[in-house]
């Protein structure tokens, strides 16, 4: 059974030490979600990630049929993250998710 109708709205995620994780991540069997109007900034890895196929759910192991809109993201970078050898950054990342609208 999926996590269904998940709503993550009006959150402020900032100054997190994330290691290999992301500031806001949906992973596994998640269906029909909304990520909206959040402020995600000054974290040491990716801001928002929607993942699939990592072995976290026995069936339908991917995030799907969602919307990611009206989020503000800034200063998310691995520059200060000791888990990475080189600096990189990303605001919104989809890795294995599908049928997701990003606005």
N, C-alpha and C. Protein backbone atom coordinates (compact mmCIF):
# COMPACT_ATOMS: atom_id res chain seq x y z
N UNK A 1 0.84 -1.19 0.00
CA UNK A 1 0.00 0.00 0.00
C UNK A 1 0.89 1.25 0.00
N UNK A 2 0.66 2.17 -0.92
CA UNK A 2 1.52 3.36 -0.99
C UNK A 2 1.22 4.37 0.12
N UNK A 3 2.21 5.20 0.36
CA UNK A 3 1.94 6.44 1.10
C UNK A 3 1.19 7.30 0.09
N UNK A 4 0.00 7.74 0.44
CA UNK A 4 -0.93 8.32 -0.51
C UNK A 4 -1.37 9.70 -0.05
N UNK A 5 -1.45 10.65 -0.98
CA UNK A 5 -1.89 12.02 -0.71
C UNK A 5 -1.03 12.70 0.35
N UNK A 6 0.26 12.60 0.21
CA UNK A 6 1.20 13.27 1.10
C UNK A 6 1.29 14.73 0.70
N UNK A 7 1.21 15.63 1.66
CA UNK A 7 1.25 17.07 1.42
C UNK A 7 2.33 17.70 2.29
N UNK A 8 3.37 18.23 1.66
CA UNK A 8 4.44 18.93 2.37
C UNK A 8 4.41 20.37 1.89
N UNK A 9 3.88 21.26 2.73
CA UNK A 9 3.61 22.63 2.33
C UNK A 9 4.04 23.61 3.42
N UNK A 10 4.56 24.77 2.99
CA UNK A 10 4.92 25.88 3.87
C UNK A 10 5.94 25.51 4.95
N UNK A 11 6.93 24.73 4.58
CA UNK A 11 8.01 24.38 5.50
C UNK A 11 9.23 25.25 5.20
N UNK A 12 10.07 25.43 6.20
CA UNK A 12 11.34 26.13 6.04
C UNK A 12 12.44 25.17 6.49
N UNK A 13 13.19 24.65 5.54
CA UNK A 13 14.27 23.70 5.81
C UNK A 13 15.60 24.39 5.53
N UNK A 14 16.44 24.54 6.55
CA UNK A 14 17.66 25.30 6.34
C UNK A 14 18.77 24.86 7.30
N UNK A 15 20.00 25.09 6.86
CA UNK A 15 21.22 24.85 7.62
C UNK A 15 21.33 23.42 8.14
N UNK A 16 20.99 22.44 7.29
CA UNK A 16 21.09 21.03 7.67
C UNK A 16 22.41 20.45 7.18
N UNK A 17 23.03 19.61 8.03
CA UNK A 17 24.20 18.81 7.66
C UNK A 17 23.67 17.45 7.23
N UNK A 18 23.70 17.17 5.93
CA UNK A 18 22.93 16.06 5.37
C UNK A 18 23.73 14.81 5.03
N UNK A 19 25.03 14.88 5.01
CA UNK A 19 25.80 13.71 4.57
C UNK A 19 25.42 13.35 3.15
N UNK A 20 25.05 12.10 2.91
CA UNK A 20 24.67 11.66 1.56
C UNK A 20 23.17 11.81 1.28
N UNK A 21 22.41 12.35 2.20
CA UNK A 21 20.97 12.51 2.02
C UNK A 21 20.64 13.90 1.45
N UNK A 22 19.37 14.21 1.35
CA UNK A 22 18.89 15.48 0.82
C UNK A 22 18.04 16.18 1.87
N UNK A 23 17.79 17.46 1.68
CA UNK A 23 17.01 18.23 2.67
C UNK A 23 15.57 17.71 2.75
N UNK A 24 14.92 17.53 1.62
CA UNK A 24 13.56 17.00 1.57
C UNK A 24 13.56 15.89 0.52
N UNK A 25 13.29 14.68 0.94
CA UNK A 25 13.35 13.55 0.01
C UNK A 25 12.12 12.67 0.16
N UNK A 26 11.54 12.30 -0.97
CA UNK A 26 10.48 11.28 -1.01
C UNK A 26 11.10 10.06 -1.68
N UNK A 27 10.94 8.91 -1.07
CA UNK A 27 11.60 7.70 -1.54
C UNK A 27 10.67 6.51 -1.34
N UNK A 28 10.59 5.64 -2.32
CA UNK A 28 9.80 4.41 -2.17
C UNK A 28 8.40 4.54 -2.73
N UNK A 29 7.47 3.83 -2.15
CA UNK A 29 6.10 3.71 -2.65
C UNK A 29 5.26 4.91 -2.22
N UNK A 30 5.43 6.02 -2.91
CA UNK A 30 4.71 7.26 -2.62
C UNK A 30 3.92 7.64 -3.87
N UNK A 31 2.62 7.89 -3.71
CA UNK A 31 1.74 8.18 -4.84
C UNK A 31 0.85 9.38 -4.51
N UNK A 32 0.70 10.28 -5.49
CA UNK A 32 -0.15 11.47 -5.38
C UNK A 32 0.28 12.34 -4.19
N UNK A 33 1.29 13.14 -4.44
CA UNK A 33 1.86 13.99 -3.39
C UNK A 33 1.94 15.43 -3.88
N UNK A 34 2.10 16.33 -2.94
CA UNK A 34 2.33 17.74 -3.23
C UNK A 34 3.48 18.23 -2.37
N UNK A 35 4.43 18.88 -3.01
CA UNK A 35 5.51 19.58 -2.33
C UNK A 35 5.39 21.03 -2.80
N UNK A 36 4.91 21.93 -1.93
CA UNK A 36 4.60 23.28 -2.40
C UNK A 36 4.89 24.35 -1.35
N UNK A 37 5.30 25.50 -1.86
CA UNK A 37 5.47 26.72 -1.07
C UNK A 37 6.45 26.56 0.09
N UNK A 38 7.47 25.73 -0.12
CA UNK A 38 8.50 25.54 0.90
C UNK A 38 9.69 26.43 0.61
N UNK A 39 10.44 26.77 1.63
CA UNK A 39 11.71 27.50 1.51
C UNK A 39 12.80 26.55 1.97
N UNK A 40 13.70 26.21 1.05
CA UNK A 40 14.74 25.23 1.32
C UNK A 40 16.07 25.88 0.96
N UNK A 41 16.90 26.13 1.96
CA UNK A 41 18.10 26.93 1.70
C UNK A 41 19.23 26.64 2.69
N UNK A 42 20.43 26.95 2.24
CA UNK A 42 21.64 26.86 3.06
C UNK A 42 21.85 25.46 3.64
N UNK A 43 21.57 24.43 2.84
CA UNK A 43 21.82 23.04 3.21
C UNK A 43 23.06 22.53 2.47
N UNK A 44 23.69 21.48 3.00
CA UNK A 44 24.93 21.01 2.37
C UNK A 44 24.74 19.82 1.42
N UNK A 45 23.56 19.76 0.78
CA UNK A 45 23.31 18.81 -0.29
C UNK A 45 22.06 19.24 -1.05
N UNK A 46 21.51 18.38 -1.86
CA UNK A 46 20.36 18.66 -2.72
C UNK A 46 19.16 19.15 -1.89
N UNK A 47 18.39 20.08 -2.45
CA UNK A 47 17.23 20.63 -1.77
C UNK A 47 16.05 19.67 -1.73
N UNK A 48 15.53 19.27 -2.89
CA UNK A 48 14.38 18.35 -2.98
C UNK A 48 14.77 17.20 -3.90
N UNK A 49 14.49 15.98 -3.47
CA UNK A 49 14.77 14.80 -4.28
C UNK A 49 13.57 13.86 -4.26
N UNK A 50 13.19 13.36 -5.43
CA UNK A 50 12.09 12.40 -5.57
C UNK A 50 12.66 11.16 -6.22
N UNK A 51 12.75 10.07 -5.45
CA UNK A 51 13.58 8.91 -5.79
C UNK A 51 12.73 7.68 -6.08
N UNK A 52 13.33 6.74 -6.75
CA UNK A 52 12.73 5.43 -6.95
C UNK A 52 13.77 4.34 -7.09
N UNK A 53 13.34 3.13 -6.89
CA UNK A 53 14.12 1.91 -7.17
C UNK A 53 15.40 1.80 -6.33
N UNK A 54 15.29 2.14 -5.05
CA UNK A 54 16.43 1.99 -4.15
C UNK A 54 16.24 0.83 -3.17
N UNK A 55 15.20 0.03 -3.38
CA UNK A 55 14.98 -1.12 -2.51
C UNK A 55 14.34 -0.78 -1.17
N UNK A 56 13.63 0.34 -1.09
CA UNK A 56 13.00 0.74 0.17
C UNK A 56 11.57 0.22 0.29
N UNK A 57 10.97 -0.24 -0.80
CA UNK A 57 9.61 -0.77 -0.78
C UNK A 57 9.57 -2.06 -1.59
N UNK A 58 8.85 -3.07 -1.13
CA UNK A 58 8.83 -4.35 -1.86
C UNK A 58 8.07 -4.29 -3.19
N UNK A 59 7.16 -3.32 -3.34
CA UNK A 59 6.35 -3.21 -4.54
C UNK A 59 6.20 -1.73 -4.89
N UNK A 60 6.18 -1.41 -6.18
CA UNK A 60 6.03 -0.02 -6.63
C UNK A 60 7.02 0.90 -5.91
N UNK A 61 8.27 0.57 -6.00
CA UNK A 61 9.34 1.26 -5.28
C UNK A 61 9.78 2.54 -6.00
N UNK A 62 8.82 3.46 -6.19
CA UNK A 62 9.15 4.74 -6.83
C UNK A 62 8.10 5.78 -6.49
N UNK A 63 8.53 7.02 -6.46
CA UNK A 63 7.67 8.17 -6.20
C UNK A 63 6.97 8.53 -7.51
N UNK A 64 5.65 8.83 -7.45
CA UNK A 64 4.92 9.05 -8.69
C UNK A 64 3.67 9.91 -8.50
N UNK A 65 3.20 10.43 -9.64
CA UNK A 65 1.94 11.17 -9.73
C UNK A 65 1.85 12.31 -8.71
N UNK A 66 2.88 13.17 -8.73
CA UNK A 66 2.89 14.28 -7.78
C UNK A 66 3.15 15.61 -8.45
N UNK A 67 3.12 16.63 -7.62
CA UNK A 67 3.41 17.99 -8.08
C UNK A 67 4.37 18.65 -7.10
N UNK A 68 5.32 19.34 -7.67
CA UNK A 68 6.31 20.10 -6.91
C UNK A 68 6.25 21.52 -7.46
N UNK A 69 5.70 22.45 -6.68
CA UNK A 69 5.46 23.79 -7.23
C UNK A 69 5.65 24.89 -6.20
N UNK A 70 5.99 26.07 -6.70
CA UNK A 70 6.09 27.30 -5.92
C UNK A 70 7.03 27.17 -4.72
N UNK A 71 8.06 26.37 -4.86
CA UNK A 71 9.07 26.26 -3.82
C UNK A 71 10.19 27.26 -4.10
N UNK A 72 10.82 27.76 -3.05
CA UNK A 72 11.97 28.64 -3.18
C UNK A 72 13.18 27.88 -2.65
N UNK A 73 14.22 27.76 -3.49
CA UNK A 73 15.42 27.04 -3.09
C UNK A 73 16.65 27.89 -3.41
N UNK A 74 17.60 27.97 -2.45
CA UNK A 74 18.83 28.70 -2.69
C UNK A 74 19.93 28.21 -1.73
N UNK A 75 21.17 28.38 -2.18
CA UNK A 75 22.36 28.03 -1.40
C UNK A 75 22.37 26.59 -0.91
N UNK A 76 21.96 25.66 -1.74
CA UNK A 76 22.07 24.24 -1.44
C UNK A 76 23.25 23.71 -2.23
N UNK A 77 24.33 23.34 -1.55
CA UNK A 77 25.58 22.96 -2.20
C UNK A 77 26.37 21.99 -1.33
N UNK A 78 27.15 21.13 -1.97
CA UNK A 78 27.99 20.19 -1.23
C UNK A 78 29.34 20.80 -0.85
N UNK A 79 29.53 22.08 -1.07
CA UNK A 79 30.81 22.74 -0.80
C UNK A 79 31.32 22.46 0.61
N UNK A 80 30.45 22.47 1.61
CA UNK A 80 30.83 22.26 3.01
C UNK A 80 30.51 20.85 3.50
N UNK A 81 30.15 19.95 2.60
CA UNK A 81 29.75 18.60 2.99
C UNK A 81 30.96 17.66 2.90
N UNK A 82 31.44 17.11 4.05
CA UNK A 82 32.62 16.25 4.03
C UNK A 82 32.41 14.92 3.32
N UNK A 83 31.19 14.55 2.98
CA UNK A 83 30.91 13.30 2.28
C UNK A 83 31.28 13.37 0.80
N UNK A 84 31.56 14.56 0.28
CA UNK A 84 31.85 14.75 -1.14
C UNK A 84 33.25 15.31 -1.35
N UNK A 85 33.93 14.81 -2.37
CA UNK A 85 35.27 15.30 -2.72
C UNK A 85 35.22 16.57 -3.56
N UNK A 86 34.15 16.71 -4.37
CA UNK A 86 34.02 17.87 -5.23
C UNK A 86 32.71 18.60 -4.93
N UNK A 87 32.71 19.89 -5.12
CA UNK A 87 31.51 20.70 -4.88
C UNK A 87 30.52 20.52 -6.02
N UNK A 88 29.25 20.40 -5.66
CA UNK A 88 28.16 20.38 -6.64
C UNK A 88 26.92 20.91 -5.94
N UNK A 89 25.90 21.18 -6.73
CA UNK A 89 24.67 21.66 -6.12
C UNK A 89 23.49 21.29 -7.00
N UNK A 90 22.34 21.21 -6.37
CA UNK A 90 21.10 20.95 -7.09
C UNK A 90 19.95 21.43 -6.24
N UNK A 91 18.98 21.99 -6.87
CA UNK A 91 17.79 22.42 -6.14
C UNK A 91 16.74 21.33 -6.13
N UNK A 92 16.32 20.89 -7.31
CA UNK A 92 15.30 19.85 -7.42
C UNK A 92 15.84 18.73 -8.30
N UNK A 93 15.73 17.50 -7.81
CA UNK A 93 16.33 16.35 -8.48
C UNK A 93 15.32 15.21 -8.50
N UNK A 94 15.12 14.61 -9.66
CA UNK A 94 14.26 13.44 -9.78
C UNK A 94 15.13 12.28 -10.26
N UNK A 95 15.18 11.23 -9.46
CA UNK A 95 16.03 10.08 -9.75
C UNK A 95 15.21 8.81 -9.56
N UNK A 96 14.50 8.40 -10.60
CA UNK A 96 13.65 7.21 -10.53
C UNK A 96 12.19 7.50 -10.31
N UNK A 97 11.82 8.75 -10.01
CA UNK A 97 10.41 9.12 -9.90
C UNK A 97 9.80 9.27 -11.29
N UNK A 98 8.47 9.28 -11.37
CA UNK A 98 7.85 9.49 -12.68
C UNK A 98 6.47 10.15 -12.54
N UNK A 99 6.04 10.72 -13.63
CA UNK A 99 4.74 11.43 -13.69
C UNK A 99 4.68 12.51 -12.62
N UNK A 100 5.71 13.34 -12.59
CA UNK A 100 5.83 14.43 -11.61
C UNK A 100 5.85 15.76 -12.36
N UNK A 101 5.00 16.68 -11.95
CA UNK A 101 4.98 18.03 -12.51
C UNK A 101 5.83 18.92 -11.61
N UNK A 102 6.79 19.60 -12.21
CA UNK A 102 7.63 20.54 -11.46
C UNK A 102 7.42 21.92 -12.06
N UNK A 103 6.98 22.85 -11.21
CA UNK A 103 6.70 24.23 -11.67
C UNK A 103 7.38 25.21 -10.75
